[in-house]
Amino acid sequence: MRAAALAAVVLVGAACHRYPGRLAPEPAAGLVVLPPDYDPARAYPVVELLPPTGNTAGTLLQIYLSRVGLGRLYAESPERQLEALRSYLFPDTGQAGRSVVLILCSGRGSADDYRTAEAWARTITRYERRVLADLRSVAATRRVDTTRLVVAGFSLGGDLSWAIALRNPGTLRGAIVMASRATYRPTPSDARALAERGSRFFLTMGSDDDPTRRRLARAAAAELDRLGITHRFEVIAGAGHEPAPLALFGQALDFVLAR
């Protein structure tokens, strides 16, 4: 579970969101999406998206496509969708050196996943196993940068990313956590390892999101500060319960993947 070969995959979780268009299809297993300029001789960081409540991991791509007027690409391949979004992710500083291998984690999120504390604990373990299996698989079949492996997501996907990253400091570099409560807390030994290994977390929250969610996200950022774990916390003015703007998500990728 702590295999060093996994230390460079980016795990991005999508979460509960209403958006124009049909539900994203659920993959049978983690779906690997290669960048448009994929070079088999180069080692890439990896980004895995986690599923939202009521939908699949690919929802995050569709949310972003709808925001930039590219909803017509919903039925296109994830590779085509990712290519279309790249210029919006990095509008000012260019795309050179920014490519990642993306993984869409299997499964469809459900309110039953967190209905009770016991259910939530089982959900974390279930998705943790999927993520680690996905990372082992991609490391065995592709060249990946094993020092830059992170997870990220929105709402439920962010909560899963937060918990899984905190539980696996020897494997994951960190997480992007958007509009999530982030209530999971690391064990003392994992907390020390997160600080010592230079883990990085990027949290975002809408200024108009649910007050309880905002309070808990601030508490999570404060906990990272207390533990000496590198992080950035951004409040998005006028935003409700939604993912970060595309350009800010690009900044989050740069932050958690920084060498």
Protein backbone atom coordinates (compact mmCIF):
# COMPACT_ATOMS: atom_id res chain seq x y z
CA MET A 1 0.00 0.00 0.00
CA ARG A 2 2.96 2.30 0.59
CA ALA A 3 4.75 1.31 -2.63
CA ALA A 4 7.09 4.06 -3.76
CA ALA A 5 6.13 3.45 -7.40
CA LEU A 6 2.75 4.96 -6.66
CA ALA A 7 3.94 8.28 -5.32
CA ALA A 8 3.08 10.33 -8.41
CA VAL A 9 -0.56 9.78 -9.33
CA VAL A 10 -3.03 12.65 -8.96
CA LEU A 11 -6.37 11.57 -7.63
CA VAL A 12 -9.15 14.05 -8.39
CA GLY A 13 -12.61 13.40 -7.06
CA ALA A 14 -15.74 14.84 -8.53
CA ALA A 15 -18.79 15.16 -6.32
CA CYS A 16 -22.46 16.02 -6.06
CA HIS A 17 -23.39 18.60 -8.67
CA ARG A 18 -26.22 19.40 -11.06
CA TYR A 19 -25.08 20.24 -14.56
CA PRO A 20 -26.54 20.35 -18.08
CA GLY A 21 -26.49 17.04 -19.92
CA ARG A 22 -26.72 13.38 -19.18
CA LEU A 23 -25.06 11.45 -16.37
CA ALA A 24 -21.47 10.53 -17.06
CA PRO A 25 -21.19 6.78 -17.80
CA GLU A 26 -19.72 4.68 -15.01
CA PRO A 27 -16.50 2.88 -15.97
CA ALA A 28 -16.08 -0.75 -14.94
CA ALA A 29 -12.67 0.09 -13.46
CA GLY A 30 -10.42 3.11 -13.17
CA LEU A 31 -10.18 4.65 -16.66
CA VAL A 32 -6.74 5.94 -17.64
CA VAL A 33 -6.79 9.12 -19.78
CA LEU A 34 -3.50 9.98 -21.48
CA PRO A 35 -2.60 13.61 -22.26
CA PRO A 36 -2.80 14.75 -25.90
CA ASP A 37 0.98 15.06 -26.11
CA TYR A 38 1.70 11.76 -24.37
CA ASP A 39 5.31 10.62 -24.82
CA PRO A 40 6.06 7.06 -23.61
CA ALA A 41 9.64 8.10 -22.86
CA ARG A 42 8.53 10.72 -20.32
CA ALA A 43 7.41 10.13 -16.73
CA TYR A 44 4.11 11.89 -15.90
CA PRO A 45 2.35 12.75 -12.67
CA VAL A 46 -1.06 11.11 -12.44
CA VAL A 47 -4.42 12.66 -11.49
CA GLU A 48 -7.27 10.41 -10.40
CA LEU A 49 -10.78 11.84 -10.19
CA LEU A 50 -13.15 10.50 -7.53
CA PRO A 51 -16.92 10.22 -8.08
CA PRO A 52 -19.55 12.66 -6.78
CA THR A 53 -22.72 11.88 -4.93
CA GLY A 54 -25.12 10.57 -7.56
CA ASN A 55 -22.61 10.48 -10.38
CA THR A 56 -19.23 9.29 -11.62
CA ALA A 57 -15.75 10.77 -11.64
CA GLY A 58 -16.12 12.09 -15.19
CA THR A 59 -18.71 14.57 -13.94
CA LEU A 60 -16.01 17.07 -13.03
CA LEU A 61 -14.88 17.26 -16.65
CA GLN A 62 -18.48 17.81 -17.75
CA ILE A 63 -19.02 20.56 -15.18
CA TYR A 64 -15.96 22.37 -16.49
CA LEU A 65 -16.98 21.86 -20.12
CA SER A 66 -20.37 23.44 -19.38
CA ARG A 67 -18.70 26.43 -17.72
CA VAL A 68 -16.73 27.30 -20.85
CA GLY A 69 -19.53 26.63 -23.33
CA LEU A 70 -18.25 23.26 -24.52
CA GLY A 71 -21.19 21.13 -23.46
CA ARG A 72 -21.30 19.70 -26.98
CA LEU A 73 -18.26 17.64 -25.98
CA TYR A 74 -20.11 15.65 -23.28
CA ALA A 75 -20.33 12.62 -25.55
CA GLU A 76 -16.70 12.86 -26.66
CA SER A 77 -13.92 10.76 -25.18
CA PRO A 78 -12.30 11.90 -21.92
CA GLU A 79 -9.09 12.43 -23.91
CA ARG A 80 -10.87 14.92 -26.17
CA GLN A 81 -12.50 16.64 -23.18
CA LEU A 82 -9.19 17.01 -21.36
CA GLU A 83 -7.53 18.42 -24.47
CA ALA A 84 -10.31 21.01 -24.84
CA LEU A 85 -9.94 22.15 -21.22
CA ARG A 86 -6.15 22.55 -21.10
CA SER A 87 -6.03 26.16 -22.32
CA TYR A 88 -8.58 27.13 -19.65
CA LEU A 89 -6.62 25.38 -16.91
CA PHE A 90 -3.42 27.29 -17.70
CA PRO A 91 -4.50 30.50 -19.49
CA ASP A 92 -1.53 32.70 -18.61
CA THR A 93 1.59 30.60 -18.28
CA GLY A 94 1.08 28.04 -21.03
CA GLN A 95 0.73 24.29 -21.10
CA ALA A 96 4.35 23.24 -21.56
CA GLY A 97 5.35 20.71 -18.93
CA ARG A 98 1.85 20.68 -17.43
CA SER A 99 0.61 17.33 -18.81
CA VAL A 100 -0.69 14.67 -16.43
CA VAL A 101 -2.06 11.19 -16.75
CA LEU A 102 -5.67 11.31 -15.55
CA ILE A 103 -7.52 8.43 -13.95
CA LEU A 104 -11.31 8.38 -13.59
CA CYS A 105 -11.96 6.27 -10.51
CA SER A 106 -14.70 3.70 -10.88
CA GLY A 107 -17.94 3.89 -8.91
CA ARG A 108 -20.89 6.20 -8.50
CA GLY A 109 -21.17 8.25 -5.31
CA SER A 110 -24.26 7.93 -3.14
CA ALA A 111 -25.72 9.61 -0.08
CA ASP A 112 -25.66 6.15 1.48
CA ASP A 113 -21.86 6.37 1.38
CA TYR A 114 -21.89 8.80 4.31
CA ARG A 115 -25.30 8.24 5.92
CA THR A 116 -23.68 6.97 9.13
CA ALA A 117 -20.16 7.10 10.57
CA GLU A 118 -19.81 3.37 9.97
CA ALA A 119 -20.90 3.71 6.35
CA TRP A 120 -18.45 6.56 5.80
CA ALA A 121 -15.56 4.53 7.24
CA ARG A 122 -16.39 1.66 4.88
CA THR A 123 -16.62 4.08 1.94
CA ILE A 124 -13.19 5.54 2.64
CA THR A 125 -11.67 2.06 2.78
CA ARG A 126 -13.47 0.95 -0.39
CA TYR A 127 -12.27 3.90 -2.45
CA GLU A 128 -8.81 3.80 -0.93
CA ARG A 129 -8.44 0.23 -2.20
CA ARG A 130 -9.62 1.26 -5.68
CA VAL A 131 -7.23 4.19 -5.83
CA LEU A 132 -4.20 2.21 -4.71
CA ALA A 133 -5.06 -0.58 -7.17
CA ASP A 134 -5.38 1.99 -9.97
CA LEU A 135 -2.01 3.49 -9.09
CA ARG A 136 -0.31 0.11 -9.01
CA SER A 137 -1.79 -0.68 -12.41
CA VAL A 138 -0.80 2.59 -14.09
CA ALA A 139 2.71 2.41 -12.61
CA ALA A 140 3.09 -1.08 -14.08
CA THR A 141 1.94 -0.08 -17.58
CA ARG A 142 2.99 3.57 -18.01
CA ARG A 143 5.92 5.75 -17.05
CA VAL A 144 4.78 7.84 -14.08
CA ASP A 145 6.54 10.30 -11.83
CA THR A 146 6.48 8.42 -8.56
CA THR A 147 7.23 11.54 -6.52
CA ARG A 148 4.05 13.34 -7.59
CA LEU A 149 0.96 11.34 -6.87
CA VAL A 150 -2.03 13.34 -5.60
CA VAL A 151 -5.79 13.06 -5.17
CA ALA A 152 -8.46 15.72 -5.61
CA GLY A 153 -12.20 16.16 -5.77
CA PHE A 154 -15.33 18.22 -5.24
CA SER A 155 -17.79 17.74 -2.34
CA LEU A 156 -17.93 13.96 -1.63
CA GLY A 157 -14.99 13.46 -3.98
CA GLY A 158 -13.03 16.08 -2.06
CA ASP A 159 -13.82 14.42 1.25
CA LEU A 160 -12.62 11.09 -0.12
CA SER A 161 -9.47 12.70 -1.54
CA TRP A 162 -8.76 14.41 1.76
CA ALA A 163 -9.12 11.22 3.79
CA ILE A 164 -7.20 8.97 1.40
CA ALA A 165 -4.30 11.41 1.11
CA LEU A 166 -4.07 11.78 4.89
CA ARG A 167 -4.02 8.00 5.28
CA ASN A 168 -1.30 7.38 2.68
CA PRO A 169 1.59 9.84 3.13
CA GLY A 170 4.06 7.30 1.81
CA THR A 171 2.17 6.95 -1.48
CA LEU A 172 0.28 10.16 -2.20
CA ARG A 173 1.81 13.61 -2.51
CA GLY A 174 -1.34 15.39 -1.40
CA ALA A 175 -4.83 16.39 -2.49
CA ILE A 176 -7.02 19.03 -4.07
CA VAL A 177 -10.14 19.37 -1.92
CA MET A 178 -13.00 21.51 -3.26
CA ALA A 179 -16.19 22.42 -1.35
CA SER A 180 -15.75 19.64 1.20
CA ARG A 181 -16.13 19.31 4.96
CA ALA A 182 -12.78 17.50 5.29
CA THR A 183 -13.53 16.11 8.75
CA TYR A 184 -11.16 13.13 8.65
CA ARG A 185 -8.08 13.51 10.87
CA PRO A 186 -4.77 11.66 10.48
CA THR A 187 -3.20 9.42 13.07
CA PRO A 188 -0.22 10.97 14.91
CA SER A 189 2.23 8.84 12.91
CA ASP A 190 0.61 9.75 9.58
CA ALA A 191 0.55 13.44 10.58
CA ARG A 192 4.31 13.35 11.22
CA ALA A 193 4.93 11.57 7.92
CA LEU A 194 2.79 14.09 6.01
CA ALA A 195 4.88 16.98 7.34
CA GLU A 196 8.22 15.21 6.94
CA ARG A 197 7.52 14.07 3.37
CA GLY A 198 6.40 17.50 2.21
CA SER A 199 2.78 16.66 1.48
CA ARG A 200 0.77 19.46 -0.15
CA PHE A 201 -2.95 20.23 0.07
CA PHE A 202 -5.03 22.79 -1.83
CA LEU A 203 -8.50 23.52 -0.38
CA THR A 204 -11.22 25.70 -1.93
CA MET A 205 -14.59 26.80 -0.58
CA GLY A 206 -17.33 29.07 -1.92
CA SER A 207 -18.12 32.11 0.22
CA ASP A 208 -21.84 31.28 -0.12
CA ASP A 209 -21.57 27.54 0.52
CA ASP A 210 -23.31 25.95 3.51
CA PRO A 211 -22.11 27.63 6.76
CA THR A 212 -21.31 24.33 8.43
CA ARG A 213 -19.27 23.19 5.44
CA ARG A 214 -17.38 26.49 5.43
CA ARG A 215 -16.61 26.24 9.14
CA LEU A 216 -15.36 22.66 8.86
CA ALA A 217 -13.18 23.45 5.84
CA ARG A 218 -11.56 26.31 7.76
CA ALA A 219 -10.98 23.92 10.66
CA ALA A 220 -9.29 21.48 8.28
CA ALA A 221 -6.98 24.21 7.00
CA ALA A 222 -6.20 25.22 10.58
CA GLU A 223 -5.35 21.61 11.39
CA LEU A 224 -2.90 21.46 8.49
CA ASP A 225 -1.33 24.67 9.76
CA ARG A 226 -1.04 23.23 13.28
CA LEU A 227 0.61 20.08 11.93
CA GLY A 228 3.07 22.00 9.77
CA ILE A 229 1.73 20.56 6.50
CA THR A 230 2.10 22.74 3.41
CA HIS A 231 -1.27 23.95 2.16
CA ARG A 232 -3.26 26.72 0.55
CA PHE A 233 -6.87 27.60 1.34
CA GLU A 234 -8.88 29.73 -1.09
CA VAL A 235 -12.34 31.19 -0.49
CA ILE A 236 -14.11 31.88 -3.80
CA ALA A 237 -16.16 35.08 -3.57
CA GLY A 238 -19.79 34.66 -4.58
CA ALA A 239 -19.50 30.91 -5.15
CA GLY A 240 -21.84 28.35 -3.66
CA HIS A 241 -21.36 24.58 -3.49
CA GLU A 242 -19.27 24.13 -6.62
CA PRO A 243 -15.80 23.26 -7.87
CA ALA A 244 -13.10 25.91 -8.11
CA PRO A 245 -12.92 27.95 -11.33
CA LEU A 246 -10.88 26.22 -14.01
CA ALA A 247 -7.91 28.58 -13.76
CA LEU A 248 -7.82 28.14 -9.97
CA PHE A 249 -7.97 24.38 -10.43
CA GLY A 250 -4.94 24.75 -12.70
CA GLN A 251 -3.18 26.66 -9.90
CA ALA A 252 -4.12 23.87 -7.51
CA LEU A 253 -2.50 21.31 -9.81
CA ASP A 254 0.67 23.40 -9.99
CA PHE A 255 0.69 23.75 -6.19
CA VAL A 256 0.25 20.11 -5.23
CA LEU A 257 2.58 18.89 -7.97
CA ALA A 258 5.36 21.41 -7.27
CA ARG A 259 8.77 19.75 -7.06
